[in-house]
Amino acid sequence: IKNIGNKAKNTLNLQGQYVGISKIKKN
């Protein structure tokens, strides 16, 4: 990820949509 979560003004640079599923490894 280079950029996530800012208000989108258009769809030109949107490469996907965060869906609310993430994981952090224990280490």
mmCIF file of all heavy atoms, coordinates in Angstrom:
data_MODEL
# 
_entry.id   MODEL 
# 
loop_
_atom_site.group_PDB 
_atom_site.id 
_atom_site.type_symbol 
_atom_site.label_atom_id 
_atom_site.label_alt_id 
_atom_site.label_comp_id 
_atom_site.label_asym_id 
_atom_site.label_entity_id 
_atom_site.label_seq_id 
_atom_site.pdbx_PDB_ins_code 
_atom_site.Cartn_x 
_atom_site.Cartn_y 
_atom_site.Cartn_z 
_atom_site.occupancy 
_atom_site.B_iso_or_equiv 
_atom_site.pdbx_formal_charge 
_atom_site.auth_seq_id 
_atom_site.auth_comp_id 
_atom_site.auth_asym_id 
_atom_site.auth_atom_id 
_atom_site.pdbx_PDB_model_num 
ATOM 1   N N   . ILE A 1 1  ? 0.822   -1.204  0.000   1.00 0.00 ? 1  ILE A N   1 
ATOM 2   C CA  . ILE A 1 1  ? 0.000   0.000   0.000   1.00 0.00 ? 1  ILE A CA  1 
ATOM 3   C C   . ILE A 1 1  ? 0.859   1.259   0.000   1.00 0.00 ? 1  ILE A C   1 
ATOM 4   O O   . ILE A 1 1  ? 1.811   1.372   0.774   1.00 0.00 ? 1  ILE A O   1 
ATOM 5   C CB  . ILE A 1 1  ? -0.963  -0.009  1.204   1.00 0.00 ? 1  ILE A CB  1 
ATOM 6   C CG1 . ILE A 1 1  ? -1.939  -1.180  1.061   1.00 0.00 ? 1  ILE A CG1 1 
ATOM 7   C CG2 . ILE A 1 1  ? -1.709  1.313   1.325   1.00 0.00 ? 1  ILE A CG2 1 
ATOM 8   C CD1 . ILE A 1 1  ? -2.830  -1.391  2.246   1.00 0.00 ? 1  ILE A CD1 1 
ATOM 9   N N   . LYS A 1 2  ? 0.480   2.209   -0.880  1.00 0.00 ? 2  LYS A N   1 
ATOM 10  C CA  . LYS A 1 2  ? 1.133   3.519   -0.957  1.00 0.00 ? 2  LYS A CA  1 
ATOM 11  C C   . LYS A 1 2  ? 0.249   4.612   -0.359  1.00 0.00 ? 2  LYS A C   1 
ATOM 12  O O   . LYS A 1 2  ? 0.752   5.613   0.128   1.00 0.00 ? 2  LYS A O   1 
ATOM 13  C CB  . LYS A 1 2  ? 1.437   3.898   -2.414  1.00 0.00 ? 2  LYS A CB  1 
ATOM 14  C CG  . LYS A 1 2  ? 2.415   3.009   -3.110  1.00 0.00 ? 2  LYS A CG  1 
ATOM 15  C CD  . LYS A 1 2  ? 2.859   3.508   -4.465  1.00 0.00 ? 2  LYS A CD  1 
ATOM 16  C CE  . LYS A 1 2  ? 1.835   4.178   -5.303  1.00 0.00 ? 2  LYS A CE  1 
ATOM 17  N NZ  . LYS A 1 2  ? 2.267   4.565   -6.642  1.00 0.00 ? 2  LYS A NZ  1 
ATOM 18  N N   . ASN A 1 3  ? -1.067  4.416   -0.420  1.00 0.00 ? 3  ASN A N   1 
ATOM 19  C CA  . ASN A 1 3  ? -2.010  5.430   0.038   1.00 0.00 ? 3  ASN A CA  1 
ATOM 20  C C   . ASN A 1 3  ? -3.328  4.732   0.353   1.00 0.00 ? 3  ASN A C   1 
ATOM 21  O O   . ASN A 1 3  ? -3.822  3.939   -0.443  1.00 0.00 ? 3  ASN A O   1 
ATOM 22  C CB  . ASN A 1 3  ? -2.199  6.471   -1.068  1.00 0.00 ? 3  ASN A CB  1 
ATOM 23  C CG  . ASN A 1 3  ? -3.140  7.591   -0.681  1.00 0.00 ? 3  ASN A CG  1 
ATOM 24  O OD1 . ASN A 1 3  ? -3.950  7.475   0.227   1.00 0.00 ? 3  ASN A OD1 1 
ATOM 25  N ND2 . ASN A 1 3  ? -3.034  8.692   -1.393  1.00 0.00 ? 3  ASN A ND2 1 
ATOM 26  N N   . ILE A 1 4  ? -3.897  5.066   1.504   1.00 0.00 ? 4  ILE A N   1 
ATOM 27  C CA  . ILE A 1 4  ? -5.159  4.447   1.910   1.00 0.00 ? 4  ILE A CA  1 
ATOM 28  C C   . ILE A 1 4  ? -5.929  5.404   2.820   1.00 0.00 ? 4  ILE A C   1 
ATOM 29  O O   . ILE A 1 4  ? -5.338  6.108   3.636   1.00 0.00 ? 4  ILE A O   1 
ATOM 30  C CB  . ILE A 1 4  ? -4.922  3.101   2.631   1.00 0.00 ? 4  ILE A CB  1 
ATOM 31  C CG1 . ILE A 1 4  ? -6.245  2.425   2.999   1.00 0.00 ? 4  ILE A CG1 1 
ATOM 32  C CG2 . ILE A 1 4  ? -4.011  3.252   3.825   1.00 0.00 ? 4  ILE A CG2 1 
ATOM 33  C CD1 . ILE A 1 4  ? -6.099  1.023   3.570   1.00 0.00 ? 4  ILE A CD1 1 
ATOM 34  N N   . GLY A 1 5  ? -7.245  5.435   2.631   1.00 0.00 ? 5  GLY A N   1 
ATOM 35  C CA  . GLY A 1 5  ? -8.119  6.076   3.604   1.00 0.00 ? 5  GLY A CA  1 
ATOM 36  C C   . GLY A 1 5  ? -8.435  7.540   3.440   1.00 0.00 ? 5  GLY A C   1 
ATOM 37  O O   . GLY A 1 5  ? -9.208  8.079   4.220   1.00 0.00 ? 5  GLY A O   1 
ATOM 38  N N   . ASN A 1 6  ? -7.864  8.204   2.433   1.00 0.00 ? 6  ASN A N   1 
ATOM 39  C CA  . ASN A 1 6  ? -8.218  9.602   2.211   1.00 0.00 ? 6  ASN A CA  1 
ATOM 40  C C   . ASN A 1 6  ? -9.498  9.670   1.383   1.00 0.00 ? 6  ASN A C   1 
ATOM 41  O O   . ASN A 1 6  ? -9.863  8.726   0.696   1.00 0.00 ? 6  ASN A O   1 
ATOM 42  C CB  . ASN A 1 6  ? -7.077  10.336  1.494   1.00 0.00 ? 6  ASN A CB  1 
ATOM 43  C CG  . ASN A 1 6  ? -5.842  10.413  2.363   1.00 0.00 ? 6  ASN A CG  1 
ATOM 44  O OD1 . ASN A 1 6  ? -5.885  10.912  3.478   1.00 0.00 ? 6  ASN A OD1 1 
ATOM 45  N ND2 . ASN A 1 6  ? -4.741  9.883   1.871   1.00 0.00 ? 6  ASN A ND2 1 
ATOM 46  N N   . LYS A 1 7  ? -10.166 10.794  1.421   1.00 0.00 ? 7  LYS A N   1 
ATOM 47  C CA  . LYS A 1 7  ? -11.390 10.976  0.650   1.00 0.00 ? 7  LYS A CA  1 
ATOM 48  C C   . LYS A 1 7  ? -11.059 10.933  -0.838  1.00 0.00 ? 7  LYS A C   1 
ATOM 49  O O   . LYS A 1 7  ? -10.192 11.659  -1.307  1.00 0.00 ? 7  LYS A O   1 
ATOM 50  C CB  . LYS A 1 7  ? -12.040 12.311  1.017   1.00 0.00 ? 7  LYS A CB  1 
ATOM 51  C CG  . LYS A 1 7  ? -13.336 12.582  0.309   1.00 0.00 ? 7  LYS A CG  1 
ATOM 52  C CD  . LYS A 1 7  ? -14.422 11.683  0.828   1.00 0.00 ? 7  LYS A CD  1 
ATOM 53  C CE  . LYS A 1 7  ? -15.732 11.965  0.105   1.00 0.00 ? 7  LYS A CE  1 
ATOM 54  N NZ  . LYS A 1 7  ? -16.444 10.795  -0.262  1.00 0.00 ? 7  LYS A NZ  1 
ATOM 55  N N   . ALA A 1 8  ? -11.740 10.076  -1.584  1.00 0.00 ? 8  ALA A N   1 
ATOM 56  C CA  . ALA A 1 8  ? -11.515 9.973   -3.027  1.00 0.00 ? 8  ALA A CA  1 
ATOM 57  C C   . ALA A 1 8  ? -12.316 11.054  -3.742  1.00 0.00 ? 8  ALA A C   1 
ATOM 58  O O   . ALA A 1 8  ? -13.515 11.196  -3.517  1.00 0.00 ? 8  ALA A O   1 
ATOM 59  C CB  . ALA A 1 8  ? -11.925 8.598   -3.527  1.00 0.00 ? 8  ALA A CB  1 
ATOM 60  N N   . LYS A 1 9  ? -11.647 11.790  -4.594  1.00 0.00 ? 9  LYS A N   1 
ATOM 61  C CA  . LYS A 1 9  ? -12.319 12.839  -5.375  1.00 0.00 ? 9  LYS A CA  1 
ATOM 62  C C   . LYS A 1 9  ? -12.835 12.287  -6.701  1.00 0.00 ? 9  LYS A C   1 
ATOM 63  O O   . LYS A 1 9  ? -13.769 12.800  -7.286  1.00 0.00 ? 9  LYS A O   1 
ATOM 64  C CB  . LYS A 1 9  ? -11.350 13.995  -5.615  1.00 0.00 ? 9  LYS A CB  1 
ATOM 65  C CG  . LYS A 1 9  ? -10.975 14.725  -4.339  1.00 0.00 ? 9  LYS A CG  1 
ATOM 66  C CD  . LYS A 1 9  ? -9.988  15.850  -4.630  1.00 0.00 ? 9  LYS A CD  1 
ATOM 67  C CE  . LYS A 1 9  ? -9.655  16.621  -3.378  1.00 0.00 ? 9  LYS A CE  1 
ATOM 68  N NZ  . LYS A 1 9  ? -8.672  16.012  -2.537  1.00 0.00 ? 9  LYS A NZ  1 
ATOM 69  N N   . ASN A 1 10 ? -12.194 11.224  -7.173  1.00 0.00 ? 10 ASN A N   1 
ATOM 70  C CA  . ASN A 1 10 ? -12.612 10.545  -8.398  1.00 0.00 ? 10 ASN A CA  1 
ATOM 71  C C   . ASN A 1 10 ? -12.075 9.114   -8.333  1.00 0.00 ? 10 ASN A C   1 
ATOM 72  O O   . ASN A 1 10 ? -11.485 8.728   -7.337  1.00 0.00 ? 10 ASN A O   1 
ATOM 73  C CB  . ASN A 1 10 ? -12.103 11.282  -9.647  1.00 0.00 ? 10 ASN A CB  1 
ATOM 74  C CG  . ASN A 1 10 ? -10.599 11.439  -9.646  1.00 0.00 ? 10 ASN A CG  1 
ATOM 75  O OD1 . ASN A 1 10 ? -9.866  10.460  -9.503  1.00 0.00 ? 10 ASN A OD1 1 
ATOM 76  N ND2 . ASN A 1 10 ? -10.130 12.669  -9.789  1.00 0.00 ? 10 ASN A ND2 1 
ATOM 77  N N   . THR A 1 11 ? -12.265 8.361   -9.393  1.00 0.00 ? 11 THR A N   1 
ATOM 78  C CA  . THR A 1 11 ? -11.844 6.954   -9.379  1.00 0.00 ? 11 THR A CA  1 
ATOM 79  C C   . THR A 1 11 ? -10.558 6.704   -10.167 1.00 0.00 ? 11 THR A C   1 
ATOM 80  O O   . THR A 1 11 ? -10.122 5.568   -10.278 1.00 0.00 ? 11 THR A O   1 
ATOM 81  C CB  . THR A 1 11 ? -12.959 6.061   -9.963  1.00 0.00 ? 11 THR A CB  1 
ATOM 82  O OG1 . THR A 1 11 ? -13.244 6.494   -11.290 1.00 0.00 ? 11 THR A OG1 1 
ATOM 83  C CG2 . THR A 1 11 ? -14.214 6.132   -9.112  1.00 0.00 ? 11 THR A CG2 1 
ATOM 84  N N   . LEU A 1 12 ? -9.946  7.761   -10.682 1.00 0.00 ? 12 LEU A N   1 
ATOM 85  C CA  . LEU A 1 12 ? -8.782  7.600   -11.561 1.00 0.00 ? 12 LEU A CA  1 
ATOM 86  C C   . LEU A 1 12 ? -7.620  6.838   -10.925 1.00 0.00 ? 12 LEU A C   1 
ATOM 87  O O   . LEU A 1 12 ? -7.013  5.991   -11.560 1.00 0.00 ? 12 LEU A O   1 
ATOM 88  C CB  . LEU A 1 12 ? -8.298  8.971   -12.053 1.00 0.00 ? 12 LEU A CB  1 
ATOM 89  C CG  . LEU A 1 12 ? -9.290  9.752   -12.911 1.00 0.00 ? 12 LEU A CG  1 
ATOM 90  C CD1 . LEU A 1 12 ? -8.728  11.119  -13.274 1.00 0.00 ? 12 LEU A CD1 1 
ATOM 91  C CD2 . LEU A 1 12 ? -9.640  8.966   -14.174 1.00 0.00 ? 12 LEU A CD2 1 
ATOM 92  N N   . ASN A 1 13 ? -7.300  7.133   -9.681  1.00 0.00 ? 13 ASN A N   1 
ATOM 93  C CA  . ASN A 1 13 ? -6.149  6.499   -9.041  1.00 0.00 ? 13 ASN A CA  1 
ATOM 94  C C   . ASN A 1 13 ? -6.534  5.434   -8.017  1.00 0.00 ? 13 ASN A C   1 
ATOM 95  O O   . ASN A 1 13 ? -5.713  5.033   -7.208  1.00 0.00 ? 13 ASN A O   1 
ATOM 96  C CB  . ASN A 1 13 ? -5.262  7.551   -8.373  1.00 0.00 ? 13 ASN A CB  1 
ATOM 97  C CG  . ASN A 1 13 ? -4.606  8.452   -9.391  1.00 0.00 ? 13 ASN A CG  1 
ATOM 98  O OD1 . ASN A 1 13 ? -4.229  8.006   -10.474 1.00 0.00 ? 13 ASN A OD1 1 
ATOM 99  N ND2 . ASN A 1 13 ? -4.489  9.725   -9.070  1.00 0.00 ? 13 ASN A ND2 1 
ATOM 100 N N   . LEU A 1 14 ? -7.771  4.991   -8.047  1.00 0.00 ? 14 LEU A N   1 
ATOM 101 C CA  . LEU A 1 14 ? -8.198  3.957   -7.107  1.00 0.00 ? 14 LEU A CA  1 
ATOM 102 C C   . LEU A 1 14 ? -7.885  2.586   -7.697  1.00 0.00 ? 14 LEU A C   1 
ATOM 103 O O   . LEU A 1 14 ? -8.393  2.233   -8.745  1.00 0.00 ? 14 LEU A O   1 
ATOM 104 C CB  . LEU A 1 14 ? -9.688  4.070   -6.812  1.00 0.00 ? 14 LEU A CB  1 
ATOM 105 C CG  . LEU A 1 14 ? -10.140 5.353   -6.127  1.00 0.00 ? 14 LEU A CG  1 
ATOM 106 C CD1 . LEU A 1 14 ? -11.639 5.315   -5.883  1.00 0.00 ? 14 LEU A CD1 1 
ATOM 107 C CD2 . LEU A 1 14 ? -9.406  5.563   -4.826  1.00 0.00 ? 14 LEU A CD2 1 
ATOM 108 N N   . GLN A 1 15 ? -7.050  1.850   -7.016  1.00 0.00 ? 15 GLN A N   1 
ATOM 109 C CA  . GLN A 1 15 ? -6.660  0.525   -7.494  1.00 0.00 ? 15 GLN A CA  1 
ATOM 110 C C   . GLN A 1 15 ? -7.401  -0.576  -6.757  1.00 0.00 ? 15 GLN A C   1 
ATOM 111 O O   . GLN A 1 15 ? -7.150  -1.749  -6.975  1.00 0.00 ? 15 GLN A O   1 
ATOM 112 C CB  . GLN A 1 15 ? -5.150  0.359   -7.342  1.00 0.00 ? 15 GLN A CB  1 
ATOM 113 C CG  . GLN A 1 15 ? -4.377  1.319   -8.223  1.00 0.00 ? 15 GLN A CG  1 
ATOM 114 C CD  . GLN A 1 15 ? -2.908  1.286   -7.920  1.00 0.00 ? 15 GLN A CD  1 
ATOM 115 O OE1 . GLN A 1 15 ? -2.466  1.805   -6.904  1.00 0.00 ? 15 GLN A OE1 1 
ATOM 116 N NE2 . GLN A 1 15 ? -2.148  0.658   -8.798  1.00 0.00 ? 15 GLN A NE2 1 
ATOM 117 N N   . GLY A 1 16 ? -8.295  -0.182  -5.889  1.00 0.00 ? 16 GLY A N   1 
ATOM 118 C CA  . GLY A 1 16 ? -9.070  -1.136  -5.116  1.00 0.00 ? 16 GLY A CA  1 
ATOM 119 C C   . GLY A 1 16 ? -9.788  -0.413  -4.003  1.00 0.00 ? 16 GLY A C   1 
ATOM 120 O O   . GLY A 1 16 ? -9.738  0.810   -3.902  1.00 0.00 ? 16 GLY A O   1 
ATOM 121 N N   . GLN A 1 17 ? -10.450 -1.204  -3.154  1.00 0.00 ? 17 GLN A N   1 
ATOM 122 C CA  . GLN A 1 17 ? -11.161 -0.642  -2.014  1.00 0.00 ? 17 GLN A CA  1 
ATOM 123 C C   . GLN A 1 17 ? -10.855 -1.492  -0.786  1.00 0.00 ? 17 GLN A C   1 
ATOM 124 O O   . GLN A 1 17 ? -11.006 -2.712  -0.799  1.00 0.00 ? 17 GLN A O   1 
ATOM 125 C CB  . GLN A 1 17 ? -12.667 -0.627  -2.293  1.00 0.00 ? 17 GLN A CB  1 
ATOM 126 C CG  . GLN A 1 17 ? -13.505 -0.018  -1.208  1.00 0.00 ? 17 GLN A CG  1 
ATOM 127 C CD  . GLN A 1 17 ? -13.256 1.479   -1.029  1.00 0.00 ? 17 GLN A CD  1 
ATOM 128 O OE1 . GLN A 1 17 ? -12.816 2.155   -1.937  1.00 0.00 ? 17 GLN A OE1 1 
ATOM 129 N NE2 . GLN A 1 17 ? -13.533 1.989   0.143   1.00 0.00 ? 17 GLN A NE2 1 
ATOM 130 N N   . TYR A 1 18 ? -10.382 -0.831  0.258   1.00 0.00 ? 18 TYR A N   1 
ATOM 131 C CA  . TYR A 1 18 ? -10.152 -1.500  1.534   1.00 0.00 ? 18 TYR A CA  1 
ATOM 132 C C   . TYR A 1 18 ? -11.479 -2.056  2.022   1.00 0.00 ? 18 TYR A C   1 
ATOM 133 O O   . TYR A 1 18 ? -12.490 -1.361  2.003   1.00 0.00 ? 18 TYR A O   1 
ATOM 134 C CB  . TYR A 1 18 ? -9.574  -0.497  2.538   1.00 0.00 ? 18 TYR A CB  1 
ATOM 135 C CG  . TYR A 1 18 ? -9.454  -1.028  3.935   1.00 0.00 ? 18 TYR A CG  1 
ATOM 136 C CD1 . TYR A 1 18 ? -8.503  -1.991  4.245   1.00 0.00 ? 18 TYR A CD1 1 
ATOM 137 C CD2 . TYR A 1 18 ? -10.283 -0.567  4.948   1.00 0.00 ? 18 TYR A CD2 1 
ATOM 138 C CE1 . TYR A 1 18 ? -8.380  -2.475  5.537   1.00 0.00 ? 18 TYR A CE1 1 
ATOM 139 C CE2 . TYR A 1 18 ? -10.165 -1.045  6.239   1.00 0.00 ? 18 TYR A CE2 1 
ATOM 140 C CZ  . TYR A 1 18 ? -9.216  -1.998  6.533   1.00 0.00 ? 18 TYR A CZ  1 
ATOM 141 O OH  . TYR A 1 18 ? -9.100  -2.478  7.807   1.00 0.00 ? 18 TYR A OH  1 
ATOM 142 N N   . VAL A 1 19 ? -11.489 -3.305  2.462   1.00 0.00 ? 19 VAL A N   1 
ATOM 143 C CA  . VAL A 1 19 ? -12.752 -3.945  2.834   1.00 0.00 ? 19 VAL A CA  1 
ATOM 144 C C   . VAL A 1 19 ? -12.906 -4.196  4.332   1.00 0.00 ? 19 VAL A C   1 
ATOM 145 O O   . VAL A 1 19 ? -13.954 -4.670  4.759   1.00 0.00 ? 19 VAL A O   1 
ATOM 146 C CB  . VAL A 1 19 ? -12.970 -5.264  2.042   1.00 0.00 ? 19 VAL A CB  1 
ATOM 147 C CG1 . VAL A 1 19 ? -13.036 -5.001  0.557   1.00 0.00 ? 19 VAL A CG1 1 
ATOM 148 C CG2 . VAL A 1 19 ? -11.930 -6.303  2.387   1.00 0.00 ? 19 VAL A CG2 1 
ATOM 149 N N   . GLY A 1 20 ? -11.889 -3.896  5.113   1.00 0.00 ? 20 GLY A N   1 
ATOM 150 C CA  . GLY A 1 20 ? -12.037 -4.048  6.554   1.00 0.00 ? 20 GLY A CA  1 
ATOM 151 C C   . GLY A 1 20 ? -11.590 -5.383  7.110   1.00 0.00 ? 20 GLY A C   1 
ATOM 152 O O   . GLY A 1 20 ? -12.080 -5.821  8.146   1.00 0.00 ? 20 GLY A O   1 
ATOM 153 N N   . ILE A 1 21 ? -10.643 -6.038  6.430   1.00 0.00 ? 21 ILE A N   1 
ATOM 154 C CA  . ILE A 1 21 ? -10.101 -7.311  6.920   1.00 0.00 ? 21 ILE A CA  1 
ATOM 155 C C   . ILE A 1 21 ? -8.579  -7.216  6.847   1.00 0.00 ? 21 ILE A C   1 
ATOM 156 O O   . ILE A 1 21 ? -8.017  -7.099  5.761   1.00 0.00 ? 21 ILE A O   1 
ATOM 157 C CB  . ILE A 1 21 ? -10.569 -8.499  6.064   1.00 0.00 ? 21 ILE A CB  1 
ATOM 158 C CG1 . ILE A 1 21 ? -12.080 -8.510  5.897   1.00 0.00 ? 21 ILE A CG1 1 
ATOM 159 C CG2 . ILE A 1 21 ? -10.072 -9.816  6.675   1.00 0.00 ? 21 ILE A CG2 1 
ATOM 160 C CD1 . ILE A 1 21 ? -12.568 -9.392  4.762   1.00 0.00 ? 21 ILE A CD1 1 
ATOM 161 N N   . SER A 1 22 ? -7.933  -7.267  8.005   1.00 0.00 ? 22 SER A N   1 
ATOM 162 C CA  . SER A 1 22 ? -6.473  -7.127  8.049   1.00 0.00 ? 22 SER A CA  1 
ATOM 163 C C   . SER A 1 22 ? -5.891  -8.084  9.075   1.00 0.00 ? 22 SER A C   1 
ATOM 164 O O   . SER A 1 22 ? -6.616  -8.618  9.920   1.00 0.00 ? 22 SER A O   1 
ATOM 165 C CB  . SER A 1 22 ? -6.093  -5.687  8.431   1.00 0.00 ? 22 SER A CB  1 
ATOM 166 O OG  . SER A 1 22 ? -6.682  -4.765  7.547   1.00 0.00 ? 22 SER A OG  1 
ATOM 167 N N   . LYS A 1 23 ? -4.580  -8.273  8.990   1.00 0.00 ? 23 LYS A N   1 
ATOM 168 C CA  . LYS A 1 23 ? -3.907  -9.159  9.946   1.00 0.00 ? 23 LYS A CA  1 
ATOM 169 C C   . LYS A 1 23 ? -2.553  -8.580  10.322  1.00 0.00 ? 23 LYS A C   1 
ATOM 170 O O   . LYS A 1 23 ? -1.836  -8.039  9.482   1.00 0.00 ? 23 LYS A O   1 
ATOM 171 C CB  . LYS A 1 23 ? -3.713  -10.553 9.360   1.00 0.00 ? 23 LYS A CB  1 
ATOM 172 C CG  . LYS A 1 23 ? -3.070  -11.536 10.360  1.00 0.00 ? 23 LYS A CG  1 
ATOM 173 C CD  . LYS A 1 23 ? -2.972  -12.929 9.815   1.00 0.00 ? 23 LYS A CD  1 
ATOM 174 C CE  . LYS A 1 23 ? -1.755  -13.076 8.955   1.00 0.00 ? 23 LYS A CE  1 
ATOM 175 N NZ  . LYS A 1 23 ? -1.449  -14.437 8.550   1.00 0.00 ? 23 LYS A NZ  1 
ATOM 176 N N   . ILE A 1 24 ? -2.234  -8.691  11.604  1.00 0.00 ? 24 ILE A N   1 
ATOM 177 C CA  . ILE A 1 24 ? -0.913  -8.336  12.118  1.00 0.00 ? 24 ILE A CA  1 
ATOM 178 C C   . ILE A 1 24 ? -0.297  -9.614  12.681  1.00 0.00 ? 24 ILE A C   1 
ATOM 179 O O   . ILE A 1 24 ? -0.892  -10.270 13.547  1.00 0.00 ? 24 ILE A O   1 
ATOM 180 C CB  . ILE A 1 24 ? -0.988  -7.270  13.229  1.00 0.00 ? 24 ILE A CB  1 
ATOM 181 C CG1 . ILE A 1 24 ? -1.780  -6.049  12.766  1.00 0.00 ? 24 ILE A CG1 1 
ATOM 182 C CG2 . ILE A 1 24 ? 0.411   -6.883  13.686  1.00 0.00 ? 24 ILE A CG2 1 
ATOM 183 C CD1 . ILE A 1 24 ? -2.125  -5.067  13.873  1.00 0.00 ? 24 ILE A CD1 1 
ATOM 184 N N   . LYS A 1 25 ? 0.869   -9.978  12.180  1.00 0.00 ? 25 LYS A N   1 
ATOM 185 C CA  . LYS A 1 25 ? 1.557   -11.176 12.681  1.00 0.00 ? 25 LYS A CA  1 
ATOM 186 C C   . LYS A 1 25 ? 2.051   -10.941 14.113  1.00 0.00 ? 25 LYS A C   1 
ATOM 187 O O   . LYS A 1 25 ? 2.412   -9.825  14.474  1.00 0.00 ? 25 LYS A O   1 
ATOM 188 C CB  . LYS A 1 25 ? 2.756   -11.525 11.788  1.00 0.00 ? 25 LYS A CB  1 
ATOM 189 C CG  . LYS A 1 25 ? 2.401   -11.889 10.357  1.00 0.00 ? 25 LYS A CG  1 
ATOM 190 C CD  . LYS A 1 25 ? 1.823   -13.265 10.235  1.00 0.00 ? 25 LYS A CD  1 
ATOM 191 C CE  . LYS A 1 25 ? 2.906   -14.293 10.405  1.00 0.00 ? 25 LYS A CE  1 
ATOM 192 N NZ  . LYS A 1 25 ? 2.405   -15.655 10.405  1.00 0.00 ? 25 LYS A NZ  1 
ATOM 193 N N   . LYS A 1 26 ? 2.061   -11.991 14.899  1.00 0.00 ? 26 LYS A N   1 
ATOM 194 C CA  . LYS A 1 26 ? 2.409   -11.857 16.321  1.00 0.00 ? 26 LYS A CA  1 
ATOM 195 C C   . LYS A 1 26 ? 3.796   -11.268 16.539  1.00 0.00 ? 26 LYS A C   1 
ATOM 196 O O   . LYS A 1 26 ? 4.004   -10.516 17.477  1.00 0.00 ? 26 LYS A O   1 
ATOM 197 C CB  . LYS A 1 26 ? 2.259   -13.199 17.043  1.00 0.00 ? 26 LYS A CB  1 
ATOM 198 C CG  . LYS A 1 26 ? 3.180   -14.299 16.576  1.00 0.00 ? 26 LYS A CG  1 
ATOM 199 C CD  . LYS A 1 26 ? 2.898   -15.584 17.330  1.00 0.00 ? 26 LYS A CD  1 
ATOM 200 C CE  . LYS A 1 26 ? 3.688   -16.730 16.764  1.00 0.00 ? 26 LYS A CE  1 
ATOM 201 N NZ  . LYS A 1 26 ? 3.359   -17.981 17.429  1.00 0.00 ? 26 LYS A NZ  1 
ATOM 202 N N   . ASN A 1 27 ? 4.741   -11.562 15.647  1.00 0.00 ? 27 ASN A N   1 
ATOM 203 C CA  . ASN A 1 27 ? 6.098   -11.029 15.823  1.00 0.00 ? 27 ASN A CA  1 
ATOM 204 C C   . ASN A 1 27 ? 6.197   -9.542  15.472  1.00 0.00 ? 27 ASN A C   1 
ATOM 205 O O   . ASN A 1 27 ? 7.236   -8.931  15.656  1.00 0.00 ? 27 ASN A O   1 
ATOM 206 C CB  . ASN A 1 27 ? 7.108   -11.836 15.007  1.00 0.00 ? 27 ASN A CB  1 
ATOM 207 C CG  . ASN A 1 27 ? 6.838   -11.775 13.514  1.00 0.00 ? 27 ASN A CG  1 
ATOM 208 O OD1 . ASN A 1 27 ? 5.782   -11.365 13.069  1.00 0.00 ? 27 ASN A OD1 1 
ATOM 209 N ND2 . ASN A 1 27 ? 7.805   -12.221 12.731  1.00 0.00 ? 27 ASN A ND2 1 
# 
